[in-house]
């Protein structure tokens, strides 16, 4: 008896998860790509790699949050001058957290991006 469906086996690929997290650093070095490259990796691999869906959603939410926080901090520079401190904090978060979560991904742990807004669930 034949079945009309096929079973999709997901592979465990911690290296691709690490690469997906570290691709966010493209923004620090090139000025763009920190959202686009992980988005492409997530969309193409979420059904093939175990854990990619959770990691990809966390990355996309974090990158969109970084963009929103940056947009909010620009007027604060003119109004209060505190926007510069906020931009420095955003830059540190955007550089350090992908590295930390890349290490977590290599160990098989789930990512955690604090202060990340939930756009994709």
N, C-alpha and C. Protein backbone atom coordinates (compact mmCIF):
# COMPACT_ATOMS: atom_id res chain seq x y z
N UNK A 1 0.84 -1.17 0.00
CA UNK A 1 0.00 0.00 0.00
C UNK A 1 0.89 1.24 0.00
N UNK A 2 0.64 2.13 -0.94
CA UNK A 2 1.42 3.36 -1.06
C UNK A 2 0.76 4.47 -0.27
N UNK A 3 1.58 5.35 0.26
CA UNK A 3 1.02 6.51 0.93
C UNK A 3 1.19 7.73 0.04
N UNK A 4 0.29 8.67 0.18
CA UNK A 4 0.30 9.87 -0.66
C UNK A 4 1.15 10.98 -0.10
N UNK A 5 1.73 10.74 1.01
CA UNK A 5 2.59 11.77 1.60
C UNK A 5 3.99 11.20 1.81
N UNK A 6 4.91 12.07 1.96
CA UNK A 6 6.27 11.64 2.22
C UNK A 6 6.74 12.31 3.51
N UNK A 7 7.60 11.64 4.17
CA UNK A 7 8.09 12.14 5.44
C UNK A 7 9.35 12.95 5.20
N UNK A 8 9.33 14.17 5.68
CA UNK A 8 10.47 15.04 5.51
C UNK A 8 11.36 14.88 6.74
N UNK A 9 12.56 14.45 6.51
CA UNK A 9 13.48 14.31 7.63
C UNK A 9 14.33 15.58 7.73
N UNK A 10 14.37 16.10 8.92
CA UNK A 10 15.15 17.31 9.15
C UNK A 10 16.52 16.89 9.66
N UNK A 11 17.53 17.57 9.14
CA UNK A 11 18.88 17.24 9.57
C UNK A 11 19.32 18.22 10.65
N UNK A 12 20.21 17.78 11.47
CA UNK A 12 20.76 18.63 12.52
C UNK A 12 22.02 19.27 11.97
N UNK A 13 22.04 20.59 11.89
CA UNK A 13 23.16 21.31 11.30
C UNK A 13 23.46 22.55 12.14
N UNK A 14 24.22 22.35 13.23
CA UNK A 14 24.55 23.45 14.12
C UNK A 14 25.45 24.48 13.43
N UNK A 15 26.26 24.05 12.47
CA UNK A 15 27.14 24.99 11.77
C UNK A 15 26.35 26.01 10.97
N UNK A 16 25.28 25.57 10.32
CA UNK A 16 24.44 26.51 9.56
C UNK A 16 23.72 27.47 10.51
N UNK A 17 23.32 26.99 11.67
CA UNK A 17 22.70 27.86 12.66
C UNK A 17 23.68 28.93 13.13
N UNK A 18 24.93 28.53 13.36
CA UNK A 18 25.97 29.49 13.77
C UNK A 18 26.19 30.52 12.66
N UNK A 19 26.28 30.06 11.44
CA UNK A 19 26.48 30.97 10.30
C UNK A 19 25.31 31.95 10.19
N UNK A 20 24.10 31.46 10.42
CA UNK A 20 22.93 32.32 10.35
C UNK A 20 23.01 33.42 11.40
N UNK A 21 23.44 33.08 12.60
CA UNK A 21 23.59 34.10 13.64
C UNK A 21 24.71 35.08 13.30
N UNK A 22 25.82 34.57 12.82
CA UNK A 22 26.97 35.44 12.55
C UNK A 22 26.78 36.30 11.30
N UNK A 23 25.85 35.92 10.42
CA UNK A 23 25.57 36.75 9.24
C UNK A 23 25.00 38.11 9.63
N UNK A 24 24.48 38.21 10.83
CA UNK A 24 23.97 39.50 11.29
C UNK A 24 25.08 40.54 11.40
N UNK A 25 26.31 40.08 11.55
CA UNK A 25 27.45 41.00 11.68
C UNK A 25 27.79 41.67 10.35
N UNK A 26 27.18 41.24 9.27
CA UNK A 26 27.40 41.89 7.98
C UNK A 26 27.05 43.37 8.04
N UNK A 27 26.05 43.72 8.83
CA UNK A 27 25.66 45.12 8.97
C UNK A 27 26.80 45.93 9.58
N UNK A 28 27.51 45.36 10.51
CA UNK A 28 28.63 46.07 11.16
C UNK A 28 29.77 46.33 10.18
N UNK A 29 29.98 45.42 9.24
CA UNK A 29 31.13 45.54 8.35
C UNK A 29 30.80 46.13 6.99
N UNK A 30 29.58 45.89 6.49
CA UNK A 30 29.23 46.39 5.16
C UNK A 30 28.14 47.44 5.18
N UNK A 31 27.39 47.54 6.28
CA UNK A 31 26.30 48.51 6.36
C UNK A 31 24.96 47.94 5.97
N UNK A 32 24.92 46.76 5.41
CA UNK A 32 23.66 46.12 5.05
C UNK A 32 23.87 44.61 5.03
N UNK A 33 22.81 43.88 4.91
CA UNK A 33 22.90 42.42 4.80
C UNK A 33 22.62 41.69 6.09
N UNK A 34 22.61 42.38 7.22
CA UNK A 34 22.38 41.73 8.49
C UNK A 34 20.97 41.22 8.67
N UNK A 35 20.04 41.73 7.90
CA UNK A 35 18.67 41.23 7.93
C UNK A 35 18.39 40.34 6.73
N UNK A 36 18.93 40.70 5.59
CA UNK A 36 18.60 40.00 4.35
C UNK A 36 19.18 38.58 4.30
N UNK A 37 20.44 38.42 4.63
CA UNK A 37 21.09 37.10 4.54
C UNK A 37 20.47 36.10 5.52
N UNK A 38 20.29 36.46 6.82
CA UNK A 38 19.62 35.49 7.70
C UNK A 38 18.18 35.20 7.29
N UNK A 39 17.50 36.20 6.73
CA UNK A 39 16.13 36.00 6.26
C UNK A 39 16.11 34.97 5.13
N UNK A 40 17.03 35.08 4.20
CA UNK A 40 17.10 34.12 3.08
C UNK A 40 17.43 32.72 3.61
N UNK A 41 18.41 32.64 4.52
CA UNK A 41 18.78 31.33 5.08
C UNK A 41 17.60 30.72 5.84
N UNK A 42 16.89 31.53 6.60
CA UNK A 42 15.76 31.02 7.38
C UNK A 42 14.65 30.53 6.47
N UNK A 43 14.28 31.31 5.46
CA UNK A 43 13.18 30.94 4.57
C UNK A 43 13.51 29.67 3.78
N UNK A 44 14.74 29.54 3.34
CA UNK A 44 15.09 28.39 2.51
C UNK A 44 15.38 27.12 3.32
N UNK A 45 15.77 27.26 4.58
CA UNK A 45 16.21 26.10 5.34
C UNK A 45 15.33 25.73 6.53
N UNK A 46 14.26 26.48 6.80
CA UNK A 46 13.48 26.24 8.02
C UNK A 46 12.79 24.88 8.02
N UNK A 47 12.51 24.32 6.86
CA UNK A 47 11.88 23.00 6.79
C UNK A 47 12.89 21.88 6.64
N UNK A 48 14.18 22.23 6.52
CA UNK A 48 15.20 21.22 6.28
C UNK A 48 16.15 21.03 7.45
N UNK A 49 16.33 22.07 8.25
CA UNK A 49 17.30 22.03 9.34
C UNK A 49 16.56 22.12 10.67
N UNK A 50 16.88 21.19 11.54
CA UNK A 50 16.27 21.15 12.86
C UNK A 50 16.67 22.39 13.67
N UNK A 51 15.69 23.12 14.16
CA UNK A 51 15.95 24.29 14.97
C UNK A 51 16.06 25.59 14.19
N UNK A 52 16.10 25.51 12.89
CA UNK A 52 16.26 26.73 12.07
C UNK A 52 15.06 27.66 12.22
N UNK A 53 13.87 27.10 12.37
CA UNK A 53 12.69 27.95 12.48
C UNK A 53 12.76 28.83 13.73
N UNK A 54 13.10 28.25 14.86
CA UNK A 54 13.19 29.01 16.10
C UNK A 54 14.33 30.03 16.05
N UNK A 55 15.48 29.62 15.55
CA UNK A 55 16.63 30.52 15.45
C UNK A 55 16.35 31.64 14.44
N UNK A 56 15.77 31.29 13.32
CA UNK A 56 15.48 32.29 12.30
C UNK A 56 14.49 33.34 12.77
N UNK A 57 13.44 32.89 13.46
CA UNK A 57 12.46 33.84 13.99
C UNK A 57 13.10 34.78 15.00
N UNK A 58 13.95 34.23 15.86
CA UNK A 58 14.63 35.07 16.86
C UNK A 58 15.54 36.10 16.19
N UNK A 59 16.23 35.69 15.15
CA UNK A 59 17.13 36.60 14.44
C UNK A 59 16.35 37.70 13.73
N UNK A 60 15.29 37.33 13.04
CA UNK A 60 14.49 38.33 12.31
C UNK A 60 13.86 39.32 13.29
N UNK A 61 13.32 38.81 14.39
CA UNK A 61 12.74 39.70 15.40
C UNK A 61 13.79 40.64 15.97
N UNK A 62 14.99 40.13 16.22
CA UNK A 62 16.06 40.96 16.77
C UNK A 62 16.49 42.04 15.77
N UNK A 63 16.66 41.67 14.52
CA UNK A 63 17.09 42.64 13.51
C UNK A 63 16.04 43.72 13.29
N UNK A 64 14.78 43.34 13.24
CA UNK A 64 13.71 44.34 13.10
C UNK A 64 13.65 45.25 14.33
N UNK A 65 13.88 44.68 15.50
CA UNK A 65 13.91 45.49 16.73
C UNK A 65 15.05 46.49 16.70
N UNK A 66 16.22 46.05 16.23
CA UNK A 66 17.38 46.94 16.13
C UNK A 66 17.06 48.11 15.20
N UNK A 67 16.40 47.82 14.09
CA UNK A 67 16.04 48.88 13.13
C UNK A 67 15.07 49.87 13.79
N UNK A 68 14.07 49.35 14.50
CA UNK A 68 13.09 50.22 15.16
C UNK A 68 13.78 51.08 16.23
N UNK A 69 14.63 50.47 17.05
CA UNK A 69 15.32 51.22 18.10
C UNK A 69 16.25 52.29 17.51
N UNK A 70 16.86 51.99 16.38
CA UNK A 70 17.72 52.98 15.73
C UNK A 70 16.90 54.15 15.20
N UNK A 71 15.78 53.86 14.60
CA UNK A 71 14.91 54.93 14.09
C UNK A 71 14.40 55.80 15.24
N UNK A 72 14.07 55.20 16.36
CA UNK A 72 13.60 55.96 17.52
C UNK A 72 14.72 56.83 18.10
N UNK A 73 15.95 56.34 18.09
CA UNK A 73 17.04 57.07 18.74
C UNK A 73 17.51 58.28 17.92
N UNK A 74 17.25 58.32 16.63
CA UNK A 74 17.71 59.45 15.81
C UNK A 74 17.06 60.77 16.24
N UNK A 75 15.74 60.85 16.41
CA UNK A 75 15.18 62.12 16.91
C UNK A 75 15.63 62.46 18.33
N UNK A 76 15.95 61.44 19.11
CA UNK A 76 16.38 61.69 20.48
C UNK A 76 17.75 62.37 20.53
N UNK A 77 18.53 62.24 19.47
CA UNK A 77 19.81 62.95 19.40
C UNK A 77 19.57 64.45 19.36
N UNK A 78 18.63 64.85 18.54
CA UNK A 78 18.34 66.28 18.38
C UNK A 78 17.64 66.84 19.62
N UNK A 79 16.70 66.08 20.16
CA UNK A 79 15.90 66.58 21.27
C UNK A 79 16.66 66.59 22.60
N UNK A 80 17.26 65.51 22.94
CA UNK A 80 17.84 65.38 24.26
C UNK A 80 19.34 65.09 24.28
N UNK A 81 19.88 64.65 23.17
CA UNK A 81 21.28 64.26 23.14
C UNK A 81 21.52 62.87 23.69
N UNK A 82 20.48 62.26 24.26
CA UNK A 82 20.62 60.91 24.80
C UNK A 82 20.58 59.85 23.70
N UNK A 83 20.18 60.25 22.53
CA UNK A 83 20.12 59.32 21.40
C UNK A 83 21.47 58.76 21.04
N UNK A 84 22.53 59.54 21.29
CA UNK A 84 23.89 59.05 21.01
C UNK A 84 24.22 57.88 21.91
N UNK A 85 23.88 58.00 23.19
CA UNK A 85 24.11 56.88 24.12
C UNK A 85 23.28 55.66 23.72
N UNK A 86 22.06 55.91 23.28
CA UNK A 86 21.20 54.81 22.84
C UNK A 86 21.77 54.14 21.59
N UNK A 87 22.29 54.93 20.67
CA UNK A 87 22.90 54.35 19.46
C UNK A 87 24.14 53.52 19.80
N UNK A 88 24.93 53.97 20.76
CA UNK A 88 26.11 53.20 21.19
C UNK A 88 25.66 51.87 21.80
N UNK A 89 24.63 51.92 22.65
CA UNK A 89 24.11 50.69 23.26
C UNK A 89 23.56 49.74 22.20
N UNK A 90 22.84 50.28 21.23
CA UNK A 90 22.29 49.46 20.14
C UNK A 90 23.42 48.81 19.36
N UNK A 91 24.46 49.58 19.07
CA UNK A 91 25.61 49.03 18.35
C UNK A 91 26.29 47.90 19.10
N UNK A 92 26.43 48.06 20.41
CA UNK A 92 27.04 47.00 21.21
C UNK A 92 26.17 45.75 21.24
N UNK A 93 24.85 45.94 21.41
CA UNK A 93 23.93 44.81 21.38
C UNK A 93 23.98 44.11 20.03
N UNK A 94 23.99 44.89 18.96
CA UNK A 94 23.97 44.32 17.61
C UNK A 94 25.26 43.58 17.28
N UNK A 95 26.34 43.89 17.98
CA UNK A 95 27.61 43.22 17.72
C UNK A 95 27.82 42.02 18.65
N UNK A 96 27.46 42.17 19.92
CA UNK A 96 27.77 41.14 20.91
C UNK A 96 26.77 39.99 20.91
N UNK A 97 25.47 40.30 20.84
CA UNK A 97 24.45 39.26 20.96
C UNK A 97 24.48 38.21 19.84
N UNK A 98 24.74 38.57 18.57
CA UNK A 98 24.85 37.50 17.57
C UNK A 98 26.01 36.55 17.84
N UNK A 99 27.10 37.06 18.39
CA UNK A 99 28.24 36.20 18.71
C UNK A 99 27.87 35.24 19.84
N UNK A 100 27.24 35.78 20.89
CA UNK A 100 26.83 34.94 22.02
C UNK A 100 25.84 33.87 21.57
N UNK A 101 24.87 34.27 20.76
CA UNK A 101 23.87 33.30 20.30
C UNK A 101 24.44 32.34 19.26
N UNK A 102 25.47 32.74 18.53
CA UNK A 102 26.16 31.80 17.65
C UNK A 102 26.84 30.70 18.45
N UNK A 103 27.44 31.08 19.58
CA UNK A 103 28.07 30.09 20.47
C UNK A 103 27.01 29.17 21.05
N UNK A 104 25.87 29.75 21.46
CA UNK A 104 24.77 28.92 21.97
C UNK A 104 24.27 27.94 20.91
N UNK A 105 24.18 28.41 19.67
CA UNK A 105 23.71 27.54 18.58
C UNK A 105 24.67 26.39 18.34
N UNK A 106 25.96 26.65 18.48
CA UNK A 106 26.94 25.57 18.28
C UNK A 106 26.84 24.52 19.37
N UNK A 107 26.36 24.93 20.55
CA UNK A 107 26.17 24.00 21.66
C UNK A 107 24.78 23.36 21.66
N UNK A 108 23.94 23.72 20.69
CA UNK A 108 22.61 23.14 20.59
C UNK A 108 21.57 23.82 21.45
N UNK A 109 21.87 25.02 21.96
CA UNK A 109 20.93 25.75 22.81
C UNK A 109 20.07 26.69 21.97
N UNK A 110 18.94 27.10 22.53
CA UNK A 110 18.05 28.05 21.87
C UNK A 110 18.58 29.47 22.06
N UNK A 111 18.33 30.35 21.09
CA UNK A 111 18.83 31.72 21.21
C UNK A 111 17.99 32.56 22.17
N UNK A 112 18.61 33.60 22.70
CA UNK A 112 17.87 34.56 23.51
C UNK A 112 18.39 35.95 23.18
N UNK A 113 17.51 36.77 22.65
CA UNK A 113 17.82 38.15 22.34
C UNK A 113 16.97 39.04 23.24
N UNK A 114 17.57 39.61 24.31
CA UNK A 114 16.77 40.46 25.19
C UNK A 114 16.34 41.74 24.48
N UNK A 115 15.24 42.30 24.93
CA UNK A 115 14.65 43.53 24.39
C UNK A 115 14.23 43.40 22.92
N UNK A 116 14.06 42.17 22.47
CA UNK A 116 13.63 41.94 21.10
C UNK A 116 12.12 41.95 21.03
N UNK A 117 11.58 42.75 20.11
CA UNK A 117 10.14 42.80 19.91
C UNK A 117 9.71 41.59 19.10
N UNK A 118 8.50 41.12 19.32
CA UNK A 118 8.02 39.90 18.66
C UNK A 118 7.21 40.27 17.41
N UNK A 119 7.86 40.30 16.26
CA UNK A 119 7.20 40.58 14.99
C UNK A 119 6.76 39.28 14.32
N UNK A 120 7.65 38.30 14.29
CA UNK A 120 7.39 37.01 13.66
C UNK A 120 7.25 35.98 14.77
N UNK A 121 6.11 35.31 14.80
CA UNK A 121 5.94 34.30 15.87
C UNK A 121 5.63 32.94 15.30
